[in-house]
Amino acid sequence: GVAQLTAQEVKSACYLRGLNSTHIAEDRCRTWLGEWLQISC
């Protein structure tokens, strides 16, 4: 569950998957990661 990740873990996960999360708010990163997981799964 994305909600279980810390802010840094979320940003690291997004960066690994192509998003430059360094300048994006945490909630927006969680939203993007959720979109990615929905596609991937």
PDB file of all heavy atoms in Angstrom:
ATOM      1  N   GLY A   1       0.826  -1.207   0.000  1.00  0.00           N
ATOM      2  CA  GLY A   1       0.000   0.000   0.000  1.00  0.00           C
ATOM      3  C   GLY A   1       0.852   1.244   0.000  1.00  0.00           C
ATOM      4  O   GLY A   1       1.766   1.373   0.826  1.00  0.00           O
ATOM      5  N   VAL A   2       0.582   2.156  -0.920  1.00  0.00           N
ATOM      6  CA  VAL A   2       1.355   3.393  -1.014  1.00  0.00           C
ATOM      7  C   VAL A   2       1.274   4.193   0.282  1.00  0.00           C
ATOM      8  O   VAL A   2       2.226   4.871   0.675  1.00  0.00           O
ATOM      9  CB  VAL A   2       0.858   4.242  -2.215  1.00  0.00           C
ATOM     10  CG1 VAL A   2       1.556   5.601  -2.253  1.00  0.00           C
ATOM     11  CG2 VAL A   2       1.072   3.497  -3.525  1.00  0.00           C
ATOM     12  N   ALA A   3       0.155   4.108   0.967  1.00  0.00           N
ATOM     13  CA  ALA A   3      -0.025   4.859   2.207  1.00  0.00           C
ATOM     14  C   ALA A   3       0.951   4.438   3.294  1.00  0.00           C
ATOM     15  O   ALA A   3       1.208   5.200   4.242  1.00  0.00           O
ATOM     16  CB  ALA A   3      -1.461   4.698   2.716  1.00  0.00           C
ATOM     17  N   GLN A   4       1.510   3.234   3.185  1.00  0.00           N
ATOM     18  CA  GLN A   4       2.444   2.740   4.193  1.00  0.00           C
ATOM     19  C   GLN A   4       3.869   3.240   3.977  1.00  0.00           C
ATOM     20  O   GLN A   4       4.721   3.068   4.853  1.00  0.00           O
ATOM     21  CB  GLN A   4       2.450   1.209   4.190  1.00  0.00           C
ATOM     22  CG  GLN A   4       1.095   0.584   4.487  1.00  0.00           C
ATOM     23  CD  GLN A   4       0.557   1.006   5.838  1.00  0.00           C
ATOM     24  OE1 GLN A   4       1.275   0.986   6.846  1.00  0.00           O
ATOM     25  NE2 GLN A   4      -0.717   1.391   5.869  1.00  0.00           N
ATOM     26  N   LEU A   5       4.138   3.855   2.846  1.00  0.00           N
ATOM     27  CA  LEU A   5       5.484   4.335   2.547  1.00  0.00           C
ATOM     28  C   LEU A   5       5.731   5.702   3.179  1.00  0.00           C
ATOM     29  O   LEU A   5       4.830   6.529   3.296  1.00  0.00           O
ATOM     30  CB  LEU A   5       5.684   4.449   1.028  1.00  0.00           C
ATOM     31  CG  LEU A   5       5.514   3.182   0.198  1.00  0.00           C
ATOM     32  CD1 LEU A   5       5.745   3.496  -1.280  1.00  0.00           C
ATOM     33  CD2 LEU A   5       6.485   2.102   0.658  1.00  0.00           C
ATOM     34  N   THR A   6       6.970   5.941   3.582  1.00  0.00           N
ATOM     35  CA  THR A   6       7.350   7.261   4.059  1.00  0.00           C
ATOM     36  C   THR A   6       7.440   8.216   2.875  1.00  0.00           C
ATOM     37  O   THR A   6       7.441   7.794   1.711  1.00  0.00           O
ATOM     38  CB  THR A   6       8.709   7.214   4.776  1.00  0.00           C
ATOM     39  OG1 THR A   6       9.729   6.894   3.810  1.00  0.00           O
ATOM     40  CG2 THR A   6       8.717   6.177   5.894  1.00  0.00           C
ATOM     41  N   ALA A   7       7.546   9.503   3.177  1.00  0.00           N
ATOM     42  CA  ALA A   7       7.646  10.498   2.110  1.00  0.00           C
ATOM     43  C   ALA A   7       8.866  10.237   1.234  1.00  0.00           C
ATOM     44  O   ALA A   7       8.790  10.321  -0.004  1.00  0.00           O
ATOM     45  CB  ALA A   7       7.712  11.903   2.715  1.00  0.00           C
ATOM     46  N   GLN A   8       9.993   9.903   1.855  1.00  0.00           N
ATOM     47  CA  GLN A   8      11.217   9.660   1.088  1.00  0.00           C
ATOM     48  C   GLN A   8      11.101   8.397   0.241  1.00  0.00           C
ATOM     49  O   GLN A   8      11.590   8.347  -0.888  1.00  0.00           O
ATOM     50  CB  GLN A   8      12.422   9.549   2.023  1.00  0.00           C
ATOM     51  CG  GLN A   8      13.757   9.387   1.296  1.00  0.00           C
ATOM     52  CD  GLN A   8      14.015  10.517   0.312  1.00  0.00           C
ATOM     53  OE1 GLN A   8      13.894  11.692   0.674  1.00  0.00           O
ATOM     54  NE2 GLN A   8      14.367  10.190  -0.912  1.00  0.00           N
ATOM     55  N   GLU A   9      10.456   7.377   0.782  1.00  0.00           N
ATOM     56  CA  GLU A   9      10.264   6.146   0.016  1.00  0.00           C
ATOM     57  C   GLU A   9       9.383   6.389  -1.204  1.00  0.00           C
ATOM     58  O   GLU A   9       9.630   5.849  -2.288  1.00  0.00           O
ATOM     59  CB  GLU A   9       9.660   5.061   0.901  1.00  0.00           C
ATOM     60  CG  GLU A   9      10.647   4.476   1.900  1.00  0.00           C
ATOM     61  CD  GLU A   9       9.997   3.528   2.892  1.00  0.00           C
ATOM     62  OE1 GLU A   9       8.787   3.656   3.153  1.00  0.00           O
ATOM     63  OE2 GLU A   9      10.703   2.641   3.414  1.00  0.00           O
ATOM     64  N   VAL A  10       8.356   7.213  -1.045  1.00  0.00           N
ATOM     65  CA  VAL A  10       7.474   7.540  -2.168  1.00  0.00           C
ATOM     66  C   VAL A  10       8.251   8.275  -3.248  1.00  0.00           C
ATOM     67  O   VAL A  10       8.161   7.954  -4.438  1.00  0.00           O
ATOM     68  CB  VAL A  10       6.276   8.388  -1.691  1.00  0.00           C
ATOM     69  CG1 VAL A  10       5.516   8.972  -2.882  1.00  0.00           C
ATOM     70  CG2 VAL A  10       5.339   7.544  -0.846  1.00  0.00           C
ATOM     71  N   LYS A  11       9.032   9.273  -2.848  1.00  0.00           N
ATOM     72  CA  LYS A  11       9.792  10.033  -3.828  1.00  0.00           C
ATOM     73  C   LYS A  11      10.843   9.170  -4.522  1.00  0.00           C
ATOM     74  O   LYS A  11      11.083   9.294  -5.734  1.00  0.00           O
ATOM     75  CB  LYS A  11      10.446  11.246  -3.152  1.00  0.00           C
ATOM     76  CG  LYS A  11       9.460  12.369  -2.825  1.00  0.00           C
ATOM     77  CD  LYS A  11      10.144  13.561  -2.183  1.00  0.00           C
ATOM     78  CE  LYS A  11       9.168  14.714  -1.988  1.00  0.00           C
ATOM     79  NZ  LYS A  11       8.869  15.422  -3.241  1.00  0.00           N
ATOM     80  N   SER A  12      11.466   8.271  -3.777  1.00  0.00           N
ATOM     81  CA  SER A  12      12.448   7.363  -4.374  1.00  0.00           C
ATOM     82  C   SER A  12      11.788   6.419  -5.367  1.00  0.00           C
ATOM     83  O   SER A  12      12.326   6.147  -6.443  1.00  0.00           O
ATOM     84  CB  SER A  12      13.161   6.556  -3.281  1.00  0.00           C
ATOM     85  OG  SER A  12      13.908   7.398  -2.427  1.00  0.00           O
ATOM     86  N   ALA A  13      10.608   5.921  -5.007  1.00  0.00           N
ATOM     87  CA  ALA A  13       9.883   5.017  -5.897  1.00  0.00           C
ATOM     88  C   ALA A  13       9.493   5.723  -7.194  1.00  0.00           C
ATOM     89  O   ALA A  13       9.592   5.153  -8.280  1.00  0.00           O
ATOM     90  CB  ALA A  13       8.642   4.473  -5.194  1.00  0.00           C
ATOM     91  N   CYS A  14       9.041   6.962  -7.083  1.00  0.00           N
ATOM     92  CA  CYS A  14       8.667   7.732  -8.270  1.00  0.00           C
ATOM     93  C   CYS A  14       9.883   8.007  -9.150  1.00  0.00           C
ATOM     94  O   CYS A  14       9.815   7.867 -10.377  1.00  0.00           O
ATOM     95  CB  CYS A  14       8.017   9.053  -7.863  1.00  0.00           C
ATOM     96  SG  CYS A  14       6.371   8.875  -7.116  1.00  0.00           S
ATOM     97  N   TYR A  15      10.992   8.370  -8.542  1.00  0.00           N
ATOM     98  CA  TYR A  15      12.198   8.683  -9.318  1.00  0.00           C
ATOM     99  C   TYR A  15      12.684   7.451 -10.067  1.00  0.00           C
ATOM    100  O   TYR A  15      13.082   7.537 -11.232  1.00  0.00           O
ATOM    101  CB  TYR A  15      13.298   9.211  -8.403  1.00  0.00           C
ATOM    102  CG  TYR A  15      14.431   9.871  -9.161  1.00  0.00           C
ATOM    103  CD1 TYR A  15      14.410  11.233  -9.417  1.00  0.00           C
ATOM    104  CD2 TYR A  15      15.503   9.126  -9.634  1.00  0.00           C
ATOM    105  CE1 TYR A  15      15.442  11.845 -10.130  1.00  0.00           C
ATOM    106  CE2 TYR A  15      16.524   9.721 -10.350  1.00  0.00           C
ATOM    107  CZ  TYR A  15      16.489  11.079 -10.592  1.00  0.00           C
ATOM    108  OH  TYR A  15      17.509  11.661 -11.305  1.00  0.00           O
ATOM    109  N   LEU A  16      12.648   6.298  -9.418  1.00  0.00           N
ATOM    110  CA  LEU A  16      13.065   5.051 -10.056  1.00  0.00           C
ATOM    111  C   LEU A  16      12.235   4.766 -11.305  1.00  0.00           C
ATOM    112  O   LEU A  16      12.738   4.213 -12.278  1.00  0.00           O
ATOM    113  CB  LEU A  16      12.916   3.893  -9.063  1.00  0.00           C
ATOM    114  CG  LEU A  16      13.163   2.482  -9.596  1.00  0.00           C
ATOM    115  CD1 LEU A  16      14.634   2.296  -9.973  1.00  0.00           C
ATOM    116  CD2 LEU A  16      12.740   1.438  -8.562  1.00  0.00           C
ATOM    117  N   ARG A  17      10.984   5.200 -11.296  1.00  0.00           N
ATOM    118  CA  ARG A  17      10.054   4.914 -12.386  1.00  0.00           C
ATOM    119  C   ARG A  17       9.951   6.053 -13.404  1.00  0.00           C
ATOM    120  O   ARG A  17       9.051   6.044 -14.236  1.00  0.00           O
ATOM    121  CB  ARG A  17       8.687   4.563 -11.802  1.00  0.00           C
ATOM    122  CG  ARG A  17       8.692   3.213 -11.081  1.00  0.00           C
ATOM    123  CD  ARG A  17       7.572   3.068 -10.075  1.00  0.00           C
ATOM    124  NE  ARG A  17       7.594   1.735  -9.458  1.00  0.00           N
ATOM    125  CZ  ARG A  17       8.407   1.381  -8.477  1.00  0.00           C
ATOM    126  NH1 ARG A  17       9.275   2.252  -7.981  1.00  0.00           N
ATOM    127  NH2 ARG A  17       8.375   0.152  -7.975  1.00  0.00           N
ATOM    128  N   GLY A  18      10.852   7.022 -13.324  1.00  0.00           N
ATOM    129  CA  GLY A  18      10.945   8.026 -14.371  1.00  0.00           C
ATOM    130  C   GLY A  18      10.501   9.426 -14.021  1.00  0.00           C
ATOM    131  O   GLY A  18      10.689  10.353 -14.814  1.00  0.00           O
ATOM    132  N   LEU A  19       9.902   9.628 -12.852  1.00  0.00           N
ATOM    133  CA  LEU A  19       9.407  10.957 -12.483  1.00  0.00           C
ATOM    134  C   LEU A  19      10.450  11.689 -11.656  1.00  0.00           C
ATOM    135  O   LEU A  19      11.001  11.128 -10.704  1.00  0.00           O
ATOM    136  CB  LEU A  19       8.116  10.833 -11.668  1.00  0.00           C
ATOM    137  CG  LEU A  19       7.450  12.147 -11.260  1.00  0.00           C
ATOM    138  CD1 LEU A  19       6.826  12.831 -12.477  1.00  0.00           C
ATOM    139  CD2 LEU A  19       6.383  11.896 -10.193  1.00  0.00           C
ATOM    140  N   ASN A  20      10.722  12.942 -12.008  1.00  0.00           N
ATOM    141  CA  ASN A  20      11.631  13.746 -11.187  1.00  0.00           C
ATOM    142  C   ASN A  20      10.845  14.279  -9.995  1.00  0.00           C
ATOM    143  O   ASN A  20      10.263  15.359 -10.034  1.00  0.00           O
ATOM    144  CB  ASN A  20      12.228  14.899 -11.991  1.00  0.00           C
ATOM    145  CG  ASN A  20      13.302  15.631 -11.202  1.00  0.00           C
ATOM    146  OD1 ASN A  20      13.700  15.184 -10.125  1.00  0.00           O
ATOM    147  ND2 ASN A  20      13.777  16.741 -11.721  1.00  0.00           N
ATOM    148  N   SER A  21      10.834  13.506  -8.926  1.00  0.00           N
ATOM    149  CA  SER A  21       9.999  13.794  -7.761  1.00  0.00           C
ATOM    150  C   SER A  21      10.618  14.802  -6.809  1.00  0.00           C
ATOM    151  O   SER A  21      10.000  15.146  -5.798  1.00  0.00           O
ATOM    152  CB  SER A  21       9.721  12.486  -7.009  1.00  0.00           C
ATOM    153  OG  SER A  21      10.947  11.814  -6.718  1.00  0.00           O
ATOM    154  N   THR A  22      11.805  15.294  -7.105  1.00  0.00           N
ATOM    155  CA  THR A  22      12.508  16.165  -6.157  1.00  0.00           C
ATOM    156  C   THR A  22      11.794  17.495  -5.946  1.00  0.00           C
ATOM    157  O   THR A  22      11.954  18.114  -4.903  1.00  0.00           O
ATOM    158  CB  THR A  22      13.947  16.444  -6.639  1.00  0.00           C
ATOM    159  OG1 THR A  22      13.898  16.980  -7.968  1.00  0.00           O
ATOM    160  CG2 THR A  22      14.764  15.161  -6.651  1.00  0.00           C
ATOM    161  N   HIS A  23      11.006  17.934  -6.923  1.00  0.00           N
ATOM    162  CA  HIS A  23      10.337  19.234  -6.814  1.00  0.00           C
ATOM    163  C   HIS A  23       8.817  19.110  -6.817  1.00  0.00           C
ATOM    164  O   HIS A  23       8.116  20.080  -7.083  1.00  0.00           O
ATOM    165  CB  HIS A  23      10.780  20.139  -7.976  1.00  0.00           C
ATOM    166  CG  HIS A  23      12.263  20.327  -8.061  1.00  0.00           C
ATOM    167  ND1 HIS A  23      12.979  21.091  -7.163  1.00  0.00           N
ATOM    168  CD2 HIS A  23      13.186  19.820  -8.916  1.00  0.00           C
ATOM    169  CE1 HIS A  23      14.265  21.067  -7.472  1.00  0.00           C
ATOM    170  NE2 HIS A  23      14.409  20.296  -8.530  1.00  0.00           N
ATOM    171  N   ILE A  24       8.316  17.913  -6.531  1.00  0.00           N
ATOM    172  CA  ILE A  24       6.879  17.671  -6.529  1.00  0.00           C
ATOM    173  C   ILE A  24       6.435  17.332  -5.110  1.00  0.00           C
ATOM    174  O   ILE A  24       7.110  16.586  -4.402  1.00  0.00           O
ATOM    175  CB  ILE A  24       6.520  16.520  -7.495  1.00  0.00           C
ATOM    176  CG1 ILE A  24       6.947  16.892  -8.918  1.00  0.00           C
ATOM    177  CG2 ILE A  24       5.024  16.225  -7.460  1.00  0.00           C
ATOM    178  CD1 ILE A  24       6.685  15.797  -9.933  1.00  0.00           C
ATOM    179  N   ALA A  25       5.304  17.889  -4.689  1.00  0.00           N
ATOM    180  CA  ALA A  25       4.796  17.670  -3.338  1.00  0.00           C
ATOM    181  C   ALA A  25       4.512  16.194  -3.098  1.00  0.00           C
ATOM    182  O   ALA A  25       4.194  15.434  -4.023  1.00  0.00           O
ATOM    183  CB  ALA A  25       3.524  18.488  -3.122  1.00  0.00           C
ATOM    184  N   GLU A  26       4.620  15.798  -1.833  1.00  0.00           N
ATOM    185  CA  GLU A  26       4.466  14.383  -1.484  1.00  0.00           C
ATOM    186  C   GLU A  26       3.125  13.819  -1.923  1.00  0.00           C
ATOM    187  O   GLU A  26       3.055  12.703  -2.462  1.00  0.00           O
ATOM    188  CB  GLU A  26       4.626  14.218   0.034  1.00  0.00           C
ATOM    189  CG  GLU A  26       4.415  12.798   0.517  1.00  0.00           C
ATOM    190  CD  GLU A  26       4.321  12.696   2.034  1.00  0.00           C
ATOM    191  OE1 GLU A  26       4.782  13.630   2.720  1.00  0.00           O
ATOM    192  OE2 GLU A  26       3.775  11.686   2.510  1.00  0.00           O
ATOM    193  N   ASP A  27       2.028  14.575  -1.699  1.00  0.00           N
ATOM    194  CA  ASP A  27       0.710  14.042  -2.063  1.00  0.00           C
ATOM    195  C   ASP A  27       0.584  13.825  -3.557  1.00  0.00           C
ATOM    196  O   ASP A  27      -0.039  12.859  -4.015  1.00  0.00           O
ATOM    197  CB  ASP A  27      -0.400  14.960  -1.547  1.00  0.00           C
ATOM    198  CG  ASP A  27      -0.322  16.361  -2.127  1.00  0.00           C
ATOM    199  OD1 ASP A  27       0.791  16.823  -2.452  1.00  0.00           O
ATOM    200  OD2 ASP A  27      -1.381  16.997  -2.273  1.00  0.00           O
ATOM    201  N   ARG A  28       1.203  14.703  -4.341  1.00  0.00           N
ATOM    202  CA  ARG A  28       1.183  14.539  -5.797  1.00  0.00           C
ATOM    203  C   ARG A  28       2.019  13.342  -6.222  1.00  0.00           C
ATOM    204  O   ARG A  28       1.677  12.618  -7.172  1.00  0.00           O
ATOM    205  CB  ARG A  28       1.719  15.802  -6.471  1.00  0.00           C
ATOM    206  CG  ARG A  28       0.895  17.041  -6.200  1.00  0.00           C
ATOM    207  CD  ARG A  28      -0.454  16.962  -6.873  1.00  0.00           C
ATOM    208  NE  ARG A  28      -1.172  18.216  -6.808  1.00  0.00           N
ATOM    209  CZ  ARG A  28      -2.335  18.449  -7.415  1.00  0.00           C
ATOM    210  NH1 ARG A  28      -2.908  17.487  -8.114  1.00  0.00           N
ATOM    211  NH2 ARG A  28      -2.932  19.614  -7.296  1.00  0.00           N
ATOM    212  N   CYS A  29       3.116  13.095  -5.516  1.00  0.00           N
ATOM    213  CA  CYS A  29       3.932  11.913  -5.803  1.00  0.00           C
ATOM    214  C   CYS A  29       3.159  10.636  -5.496  1.00  0.00           C
ATOM    215  O   CYS A  29       3.221   9.658  -6.254  1.00  0.00           O
ATOM    216  CB  CYS A  29       5.226  11.946  -4.992  1.00  0.00           C
ATOM    217  SG  CYS A  29       6.433  13.174  -5.532  1.00  0.00           S
ATOM    218  N   ARG A  30       2.415  10.642  -4.399  1.00  0.00           N
ATOM    219  CA  ARG A  30       1.615   9.464  -4.051  1.00  0.00           C
ATOM    220  C   ARG A  30       0.538   9.210  -5.113  1.00  0.00           C
ATOM    221  O   ARG A  30       0.267   8.059  -5.472  1.00  0.00           O
ATOM    222  CB  ARG A  30       0.971   9.643  -2.679  1.00  0.00           C
ATOM    223  CG  ARG A  30       1.963   9.601  -1.520  1.00  0.00           C
ATOM    224  CD  ARG A  30       1.289   9.704  -0.165  1.00  0.00           C
ATOM    225  NE  ARG A  30       2.282   9.779   0.895  1.00  0.00           N
ATOM    226  CZ  ARG A  30       2.871   8.712   1.457  1.00  0.00           C
ATOM    227  NH1 ARG A  30       2.532   7.496   1.067  1.00  0.00           N
ATOM    228  NH2 ARG A  30       3.769   8.874   2.409  1.00  0.00           N
ATOM    229  N   THR A  31      -0.062  10.289  -5.613  1.00  0.00           N
ATOM    230  CA  THR A  31      -1.073  10.145  -6.666  1.00  0.00           C
ATOM    231  C   THR A  31      -0.459   9.536  -7.919  1.00  0.00           C
ATOM    232  O   THR A  31      -1.019   8.615  -8.524  1.00  0.00           O
ATOM    233  CB  THR A  31      -1.697  11.508  -7.004  1.00  0.00           C
ATOM    234  OG1 THR A  31      -2.351  12.027  -5.834  1.00  0.00           O
ATOM    235  CG2 THR A  31      -2.710  11.384  -8.130  1.00  0.00           C
ATOM    236  N   TRP A  32       0.706  10.051  -8.314  1.00  0.00           N
ATOM    237  CA  TRP A  32       1.374   9.548  -9.519  1.00  0.00           C
ATOM    238  C   TRP A  32       1.772   8.080  -9.345  1.00  0.00           C
ATOM    239  O   TRP A  32       1.571   7.268 -10.251  1.00  0.00           O
ATOM    240  CB  TRP A  32       2.612  10.386  -9.828  1.00  0.00           C
ATOM    241  CG  TRP A  32       3.277  10.037 -11.123  1.00  0.00           C
ATOM    242  CD1 TRP A  32       3.026  10.557 -12.360  1.00  0.00           C
ATOM    243  CD2 TRP A  32       4.324   9.060 -11.311  1.00  0.00           C
ATOM    244  NE1 TRP A  32       3.837   9.972 -13.303  1.00  0.00           N
ATOM    245  CE2 TRP A  32       4.636   9.050 -12.696  1.00  0.00           C
ATOM    246  CE3 TRP A  32       5.018   8.209 -10.466  1.00  0.00           C
ATOM    247  CZ2 TRP A  32       5.630   8.215 -13.237  1.00  0.00           C
ATOM    248  CZ3 TRP A  32       5.986   7.365 -11.001  1.00  0.00           C
ATOM    249  CH2 TRP A  32       6.290   7.378 -12.366  1.00  0.00           C
ATOM    250  N   LEU A  33       2.317   7.741  -8.181  1.00  0.00           N
ATOM    251  CA  LEU A  33       2.730   6.363  -7.933  1.00  0.00           C
ATOM    252  C   LEU A  33       1.523   5.428  -7.967  1.00  0.00           C
ATOM    253  O   LEU A  33       1.611   4.297  -8.464  1.00  0.00           O
ATOM    254  CB  LEU A  33       3.459   6.254  -6.596  1.00  0.00           C
ATOM    255  CG  LEU A  33       4.049   4.887  -6.238  1.00  0.00           C
ATOM    256  CD1 LEU A  33       5.025   4.413  -7.308  1.00  0.00           C
ATOM    257  CD2 LEU A  33       4.739   4.943  -4.878  1.00  0.00           C
ATOM    258  N   GLY A  34       0.397   5.923  -7.472  1.00  0.00           N
ATOM    259  CA  GLY A  34      -0.827   5.132  -7.537  1.00  0.00           C
ATOM    260  C   GLY A  34      -1.249   4.866  -8.977  1.00  0.00           C
ATOM    261  O   GLY A  34      -1.702   3.760  -9.315  1.00  0.00           O
ATOM    262  N   GLU A  35      -1.105   5.868  -9.838  1.00  0.00           N
ATOM    263  CA  GLU A  35      -1.422   5.688 -11.257  1.00  0.00           C
ATOM    264  C   GLU A  35      -0.491   4.647 -11.880  1.00  0.00           C
ATOM    265  O   GLU A  35      -0.932   3.768 -12.630  1.00  0.00           O
ATOM    266  CB  GLU A  35      -1.285   7.022 -12.004  1.00  0.00           C
ATOM    267  CG  GLU A  35      -2.331   8.057 -11.636  1.00  0.00           C
ATOM    268  CD  GLU A  35      -2.168   9.335 -12.438  1.00  0.00           C
ATOM    269  OE1 GLU A  35      -1.345   9.367 -13.378  1.00  0.00           O
ATOM    270  OE2 GLU A  35      -2.887  10.322 -12.138  1.00  0.00           O
ATOM    271  N   TRP A  36       0.783   4.769 -11.569  1.00  0.00           N
ATOM    272  CA  TRP A  36       1.763   3.816 -12.113  1.00  0.00           C
ATOM    273  C   TRP A  36       1.409   2.385 -11.696  1.00  0.00           C
ATOM    274  O   TRP A  36       1.409   1.472 -12.513  1.00  0.00           O
ATOM    275  CB  TRP A  36       3.172   4.183 -11.636  1.00  0.00           C
ATOM    276  CG  TRP A  36       4.189   3.166 -12.039  1.00  0.00           C
ATOM    277  CD1 TRP A  36       4.402   1.936 -11.470  1.00  0.00           C
ATOM    278  CD2 TRP A  36       5.122   3.249 -13.125  1.00  0.00           C
ATOM    279  NE1 TRP A  36       5.408   1.264 -12.124  1.00  0.00           N
ATOM    280  CE2 TRP A  36       5.858   2.049 -13.137  1.00  0.00           C
ATOM    281  CE3 TRP A  36       5.406   4.233 -14.067  1.00  0.00           C
ATOM    282  CZ2 TRP A  36       6.874   1.796 -14.071  1.00  0.00           C
ATOM    283  CZ3 TRP A  36       6.411   3.984 -15.003  1.00  0.00           C
ATOM    284  CH2 TRP A  36       7.132   2.789 -14.996  1.00  0.00           C
ATOM    285  N   LEU A  37       1.124   2.195 -10.403  1.00  0.00           N
ATOM    286  CA  LEU A  37       0.835   0.846  -9.898  1.00  0.00           C
ATOM    287  C   LEU A  37      -0.446   0.294 -10.516  1.00  0.00           C
ATOM    288  O   LEU A  37      -0.540  -0.915 -10.780  1.00  0.00           O
ATOM    289  CB  LEU A  37       0.727   0.863  -8.375  1.00  0.00           C
ATOM    290  CG  LEU A  37       2.021   1.151  -7.611  1.00  0.00           C
ATOM    291  CD1 LEU A  37       1.755   1.188  -6.113  1.00  0.00           C
ATOM    292  CD2 LEU A  37       3.088   0.117  -7.936  1.00  0.00           C
ATOM    293  N   GLN A  38      -1.416   1.157 -10.750  1.00  0.00           N
ATOM    294  CA  GLN A  38      -2.654   0.705 -11.369  1.00  0.00           C
ATOM    295  C   GLN A  38      -2.392   0.164 -12.774  1.00  0.00           C
ATOM    296  O   GLN A  38      -2.960  -0.855 -13.178  1.00  0.00           O
ATOM    297  CB  GLN A  38      -3.672   1.841 -11.422  1.00  0.00           C
ATOM    298  CG  GLN A  38      -5.051   1.399 -11.895  1.00  0.00           C
ATOM    299  CD  GLN A  38      -6.083   2.500 -11.780  1.00  0.00           C
ATOM    300  OE1 GLN A  38      -5.904   3.464 -11.032  1.00  0.00           O
ATOM    301  NE2 GLN A  38      -7.174   2.368 -12.524  1.00  0.00           N
ATOM    302  N   ILE A  39      -1.512   0.838 -13.500  1.00  0.00           N
ATOM    303  CA  ILE A  39      -1.144   0.381 -14.841  1.00  0.00           C
ATOM    304  C   ILE A  39      -0.323  -0.893 -14.756  1.00  0.00           C
ATOM    305  O   ILE A  39      -0.615  -1.898 -15.416  1.00  0.00           O
ATOM    306  CB  ILE A  39      -0.362   1.481 -15.588  1.00  0.00           C
ATOM    307  CG1 ILE A  39      -1.271   2.680 -15.871  1.00  0.00           C
ATOM    308  CG2 ILE A  39       0.227   0.940 -16.890  1.00  0.00           C
ATOM    309  CD1 ILE A  39      -0.535   3.901 -16.381  1.00  0.00           C
ATOM    310  N   SER A  40       0.717  -0.872 -13.932  1.00  0.00           N
ATOM    311  CA  SER A  40       1.640  -2.004 -13.847  1.00  0.00           C
ATOM    312  C   SER A  40       0.946  -3.286 -13.423  1.00  0.00           C
ATOM    313  O   SER A  40       1.185  -4.360 -13.988  1.00  0.00           O
ATOM    314  CB  SER A  40       2.779  -1.682 -12.884  1.00  0.00           C
ATOM    315  OG  SER A  40       3.667  -2.766 -12.763  1.00  0.00           O
ATOM    316  N   CYS A  41       0.070  -3.191 -12.426  1.00  0.00           N
ATOM    317  CA  CYS A  41      -0.569  -4.387 -11.891  1.00  0.00           C
ATOM    318  C   CYS A  41      -1.670  -4.924 -12.809  1.00  0.00           C
ATOM    319  O   CYS A  41      -2.204  -6.009 -12.564  1.00  0.00           O
ATOM    320  CB  CYS A  41      -1.130  -4.101 -10.502  1.00  0.00           C
ATOM    321  SG  CYS A  41       0.162  -3.800  -9.263  1.00  0.00           S
TER     322      CYS A  41
END
